[in-house]
Amino acid sequence: MSVDLAVRYVCDQVELGEGNPPFHLGDAMEATDLLFPMLEMFQSDLGRKVNALPYDKAGEAEVDAALESLAQAPEVGVEMRSTKAARVLLERVKQALITLGANAAANEPVLIPSRSLEKGHRHTATALLWLHQMELPFEPGTVLPPKRQRH
């Protein structure tokens, strides 16, 4: 998680009024909804191939650099130059969504971008906040079991 980059992005891109902080504690499901579009780039045959690759820490620096570029030019989007970095980004997105889901289930608030920002800025700020310099909470490739149904 990189609060500094996300705050810099919001302050550089948007004029916030006095007393209007760029982030606040809010509902984890709202953060999930804002981050979920990051999975769209992996919803293709290429995405399935990337998901099948082994996780390689060597791609982490490229992902962080791509996210830093996103903060400078959000209209370009996140561009991965290697499949190794794409695999790292996919793993970060999946694990961030798992973590946010756990927070939502526990009714634990998380840091989210201010609702006064336009939707595109909120999506980008959420990605920067949760994915830049992310330390994975689980082993790469971990698949958590589905929630057990009570009978």
C-alpha atoms as a PDB file:
ATOM      1  CA  MET A   1       0.000   0.000   0.000  1.00  0.00           C
ATOM      2  CA  SER A   2       1.348   3.393  -0.966  1.00  0.00           C
ATOM      3  CA  VAL A   3      -0.496   6.274   0.585  1.00  0.00           C
ATOM      4  CA  ASP A   4       2.101   8.845  -0.518  1.00  0.00           C
ATOM      5  CA  LEU A   5       1.733   8.190  -4.259  1.00  0.00           C
ATOM      6  CA  ALA A   6      -2.063   8.122  -4.067  1.00  0.00           C
ATOM      7  CA  VAL A   7      -2.222  11.396  -2.122  1.00  0.00           C
ATOM      8  CA  ARG A   8       0.247  13.061  -4.527  1.00  0.00           C
ATOM      9  CA  TYR A   9      -1.863  11.873  -7.464  1.00  0.00           C
ATOM     10  CA  VAL A  10      -5.086  13.290  -6.030  1.00  0.00           C
ATOM     11  CA  CYS A  11      -3.445  16.586  -5.074  1.00  0.00           C
ATOM     12  CA  ASP A  12      -1.823  16.923  -8.534  1.00  0.00           C
ATOM     13  CA  GLN A  13      -4.936  15.987 -10.515  1.00  0.00           C
ATOM     14  CA  VAL A  14      -7.743  17.559  -8.554  1.00  0.00           C
ATOM     15  CA  GLU A  15      -8.287  20.846  -6.780  1.00  0.00           C
ATOM     16  CA  LEU A  16      -9.658  19.865  -3.388  1.00  0.00           C
ATOM     17  CA  GLY A  17     -11.490  22.469  -1.403  1.00  0.00           C
ATOM     18  CA  GLU A  18     -10.305  23.536   2.030  1.00  0.00           C
ATOM     19  CA  GLY A  19     -11.106  20.888   4.627  1.00  0.00           C
ATOM     20  CA  ASN A  20     -11.804  18.226   1.976  1.00  0.00           C
ATOM     21  CA  PRO A  21      -9.277  15.421   2.539  1.00  0.00           C
ATOM     22  CA  PRO A  22      -8.349  13.243  -0.462  1.00  0.00           C
ATOM     23  CA  PHE A  23      -9.073  10.029   1.483  1.00  0.00           C
ATOM     24  CA  HIS A  24     -11.216   8.919   4.404  1.00  0.00           C
ATOM     25  CA  LEU A  25     -12.133   5.712   6.199  1.00  0.00           C
ATOM     26  CA  GLY A  26     -15.063   4.074   4.480  1.00  0.00           C
ATOM     27  CA  ASP A  27     -16.773   0.887   3.417  1.00  0.00           C
ATOM     28  CA  ALA A  28     -14.429  -1.807   2.098  1.00  0.00           C
ATOM     29  CA  MET A  29     -17.037  -2.840  -0.491  1.00  0.00           C
ATOM     30  CA  GLU A  30     -16.827   0.640  -1.965  1.00  0.00           C
ATOM     31  CA  ALA A  31     -13.061   0.208  -2.326  1.00  0.00           C
ATOM     32  CA  THR A  32     -13.672  -3.219  -3.892  1.00  0.00           C
ATOM     33  CA  ASP A  33     -16.023  -1.680  -6.449  1.00  0.00           C
ATOM     34  CA  LEU A  34     -13.425   0.966  -7.274  1.00  0.00           C
ATOM     35  CA  LEU A  35     -10.579  -1.544  -7.668  1.00  0.00           C
ATOM     36  CA  PHE A  36     -12.502  -4.286  -9.479  1.00  0.00           C
ATOM     37  CA  PRO A  37     -12.167  -2.685 -12.964  1.00  0.00           C
ATOM     38  CA  MET A  38      -8.419  -3.414 -12.779  1.00  0.00           C
ATOM     39  CA  LEU A  39      -9.335  -7.046 -13.486  1.00  0.00           C
ATOM     40  CA  GLU A  40     -10.792  -6.121 -16.889  1.00  0.00           C
ATOM     41  CA  MET A  41      -7.373  -6.169 -18.554  1.00  0.00           C
ATOM     42  CA  PHE A  42      -7.055  -9.822 -17.520  1.00  0.00           C
ATOM     43  CA  GLN A  43     -10.437 -10.995 -18.849  1.00  0.00           C
ATOM     44  CA  SER A  44      -9.054 -12.366 -22.115  1.00  0.00           C
ATOM     45  CA  ASP A  45      -7.084 -15.344 -23.338  1.00  0.00           C
ATOM     46  CA  LEU A  46      -3.922 -13.369 -22.594  1.00  0.00           C
ATOM     47  CA  GLY A  47      -5.177 -12.791 -19.048  1.00  0.00           C
ATOM     48  CA  ARG A  48      -5.704 -16.511 -18.519  1.00  0.00           C
ATOM     49  CA  LYS A  49      -2.186 -17.185 -19.801  1.00  0.00           C
ATOM     50  CA  VAL A  50      -0.765 -14.528 -17.485  1.00  0.00           C
ATOM     51  CA  ASN A  51      -2.618 -16.068 -14.542  1.00  0.00           C
ATOM     52  CA  ALA A  52      -1.061 -19.452 -15.323  1.00  0.00           C
ATOM     53  CA  LEU A  53       2.487 -18.053 -15.161  1.00  0.00           C
ATOM     54  CA  PRO A  54       4.538 -18.470 -11.995  1.00  0.00           C
ATOM     55  CA  TYR A  55       4.867 -15.375  -9.836  1.00  0.00           C
ATOM     56  CA  ASP A  56       8.276 -13.754 -10.271  1.00  0.00           C
ATOM     57  CA  LYS A  57       9.320 -11.025  -7.801  1.00  0.00           C
ATOM     58  CA  ALA A  58      11.520  -9.582 -10.542  1.00  0.00           C
ATOM     59  CA  GLY A  59       8.349  -8.070 -12.068  1.00  0.00           C
ATOM     60  CA  GLU A  60       7.506  -6.045  -8.957  1.00  0.00           C
ATOM     61  CA  ALA A  61       9.677  -3.032  -9.841  1.00  0.00           C
ATOM     62  CA  GLU A  62       8.097  -2.818 -13.305  1.00  0.00           C
ATOM     63  CA  VAL A  63       4.611  -2.834 -11.801  1.00  0.00           C
ATOM     64  CA  ASP A  64       5.515  -0.090  -9.339  1.00  0.00           C
ATOM     65  CA  ALA A  65       7.040   1.979 -12.167  1.00  0.00           C
ATOM     66  CA  ALA A  66       3.892   1.478 -14.273  1.00  0.00           C
ATOM     67  CA  LEU A  67       1.724   2.618 -11.366  1.00  0.00           C
ATOM     68  CA  GLU A  68       3.958   5.661 -10.893  1.00  0.00           C
ATOM     69  CA  SER A  69       3.464   6.425 -14.607  1.00  0.00           C
ATOM     70  CA  LEU A  70      -0.284   6.015 -14.123  1.00  0.00           C
ATOM     71  CA  ALA A  71      -0.150   8.710 -11.443  1.00  0.00           C
ATOM     72  CA  GLN A  72       1.506  11.050 -13.957  1.00  0.00           C
ATOM     73  CA  ALA A  73      -0.695  10.195 -16.960  1.00  0.00           C
ATOM     74  CA  PRO A  74      -3.905   8.445 -15.861  1.00  0.00           C
ATOM     75  CA  GLU A  75      -5.438   8.781 -19.324  1.00  0.00           C
ATOM     76  CA  VAL A  76      -2.869   6.289 -20.663  1.00  0.00           C
ATOM     77  CA  GLY A  77      -3.783   3.586 -18.165  1.00  0.00           C
ATOM     78  CA  VAL A  78      -1.503   0.921 -16.738  1.00  0.00           C
ATOM     79  CA  GLU A  79       0.812  -0.557 -19.335  1.00  0.00           C
ATOM     80  CA  MET A  80       2.754  -3.724 -18.602  1.00  0.00           C
ATOM     81  CA  ARG A  81       5.735  -4.300 -20.862  1.00  0.00           C
ATOM     82  CA  SER A  82       6.326  -7.891 -19.781  1.00  0.00           C
ATOM     83  CA  THR A  83       4.154 -10.860 -18.923  1.00  0.00           C
ATOM     84  CA  LYS A  84       6.192 -11.206 -15.718  1.00  0.00           C
ATOM     85  CA  ALA A  85       4.994  -7.771 -14.587  1.00  0.00           C
ATOM     86  CA  ALA A  86       1.457  -8.490 -15.750  1.00  0.00           C
ATOM     87  CA  ARG A  87       1.458 -11.580 -13.523  1.00  0.00           C
ATOM     88  CA  VAL A  88       2.614  -9.498 -10.540  1.00  0.00           C
ATOM     89  CA  LEU A  89      -0.087  -6.881 -11.181  1.00  0.00           C
ATOM     90  CA  LEU A  90      -2.772  -9.550 -11.492  1.00  0.00           C
ATOM     91  CA  GLU A  91      -1.682 -11.141  -8.214  1.00  0.00           C
ATOM     92  CA  ARG A  92      -1.722  -7.782  -6.445  1.00  0.00           C
ATOM     93  CA  VAL A  93      -5.219  -7.012  -7.726  1.00  0.00           C
ATOM     94  CA  LYS A  94      -6.549 -10.419  -6.708  1.00  0.00           C
ATOM     95  CA  GLN A  95      -5.018 -10.269  -3.244  1.00  0.00           C
ATOM     96  CA  ALA A  96      -6.139  -6.672  -2.678  1.00  0.00           C
ATOM     97  CA  LEU A  97      -9.690  -7.714  -3.576  1.00  0.00           C
ATOM     98  CA  ILE A  98      -9.483 -10.686  -1.189  1.00  0.00           C
ATOM     99  CA  THR A  99      -8.215  -8.407   1.587  1.00  0.00           C
ATOM    100  CA  LEU A 100     -10.905  -5.820   0.930  1.00  0.00           C
ATOM    101  CA  GLY A 101     -13.535  -8.573   0.906  1.00  0.00           C
ATOM    102  CA  ALA A 102     -12.321  -9.783   4.289  1.00  0.00           C
ATOM    103  CA  ASN A 103     -12.503  -6.227   5.645  1.00  0.00           C
ATOM    104  CA  ALA A 104     -16.021  -5.869   4.274  1.00  0.00           C
ATOM    105  CA  ALA A 105     -17.115  -9.162   5.849  1.00  0.00           C
ATOM    106  CA  ALA A 106     -15.730  -7.993   9.188  1.00  0.00           C
ATOM    107  CA  ASN A 107     -17.294  -4.532   8.803  1.00  0.00           C
ATOM    108  CA  GLU A 108     -13.821  -3.016   9.082  1.00  0.00           C
ATOM    109  CA  PRO A 109     -13.417   0.373   7.378  1.00  0.00           C
ATOM    110  CA  VAL A 110     -10.580   0.981   4.931  1.00  0.00           C
ATOM    111  CA  LEU A 111      -8.985   4.015   3.367  1.00  0.00           C
ATOM    112  CA  ILE A 112     -10.893   5.124   0.248  1.00  0.00           C
ATOM    113  CA  PRO A 113     -10.745   8.190  -2.004  1.00  0.00           C
ATOM    114  CA  SER A 114     -13.075  11.043  -1.224  1.00  0.00           C
ATOM    115  CA  ARG A 115     -16.505  10.818  -2.843  1.00  0.00           C
ATOM    116  CA  SER A 116     -16.039  14.413  -3.990  1.00  0.00           C
ATOM    117  CA  LEU A 117     -13.617  13.145  -6.655  1.00  0.00           C
ATOM    118  CA  GLU A 118     -14.945  12.136 -10.050  1.00  0.00           C
ATOM    119  CA  LYS A 119     -15.259   8.396 -10.634  1.00  0.00           C
ATOM    120  CA  GLY A 120     -12.196   8.060 -12.890  1.00  0.00           C
ATOM    121  CA  HIS A 121      -9.993   9.764 -10.325  1.00  0.00           C
ATOM    122  CA  ARG A 122     -11.429   7.544  -7.591  1.00  0.00           C
ATOM    123  CA  HIS A 123     -10.602   4.387  -9.601  1.00  0.00           C
ATOM    124  CA  THR A 124      -7.031   5.538 -10.233  1.00  0.00           C
ATOM    125  CA  ALA A 125      -6.479   6.708  -6.645  1.00  0.00           C
ATOM    126  CA  THR A 126      -7.745   3.359  -5.335  1.00  0.00           C
ATOM    127  CA  ALA A 127      -5.404   1.435  -7.634  1.00  0.00           C
ATOM    128  CA  LEU A 128      -2.453   3.571  -6.558  1.00  0.00           C
ATOM    129  CA  LEU A 129      -3.353   3.278  -2.896  1.00  0.00           C
ATOM    130  CA  TRP A 130      -3.847  -0.488  -2.789  1.00  0.00           C
ATOM    131  CA  LEU A 131      -1.455  -1.764  -5.495  1.00  0.00           C
ATOM    132  CA  HIS A 132       1.671   0.427  -5.492  1.00  0.00           C
ATOM    133  CA  GLN A 133       4.467  -1.196  -3.487  1.00  0.00           C
ATOM    134  CA  MET A 134       1.985  -3.797  -2.226  1.00  0.00           C
ATOM    135  CA  GLU A 135       3.368  -6.553  -0.049  1.00  0.00           C
ATOM    136  CA  LEU A 136       1.302  -9.645  -0.727  1.00  0.00           C
ATOM    137  CA  PRO A 137      -0.580 -10.851   2.365  1.00  0.00           C
ATOM    138  CA  PHE A 138      -0.692 -14.429   1.017  1.00  0.00           C
ATOM    139  CA  GLU A 139       1.623 -16.663  -0.971  1.00  0.00           C
ATOM    140  CA  PRO A 140       1.329 -15.907  -4.702  1.00  0.00           C
ATOM    141  CA  GLY A 141      -1.238 -18.128  -6.355  1.00  0.00           C
ATOM    142  CA  THR A 142      -3.069 -18.788  -3.103  1.00  0.00           C
ATOM    143  CA  VAL A 143      -6.674 -19.667  -3.678  1.00  0.00           C
ATOM    144  CA  LEU A 144      -8.749 -19.219  -0.598  1.00  0.00           C
ATOM    145  CA  PRO A 145     -11.533 -21.742  -0.039  1.00  0.00           C
ATOM    146  CA  PRO A 146     -15.057 -20.518  -0.630  1.00  0.00           C
ATOM    147  CA  LYS A 147     -17.012 -19.391   2.401  1.00  0.00           C
ATOM    148  CA  ARG A 148     -18.688 -22.388   4.018  1.00  0.00           C
ATOM    149  CA  GLN A 149     -22.450 -22.413   3.960  1.00  0.00           C
ATOM    150  CA  ARG A 150     -24.221 -22.995   7.258  1.00  0.00           C
ATOM    151  CA  HIS A 151     -26.735 -25.807   7.235  1.00  0.00           C
END
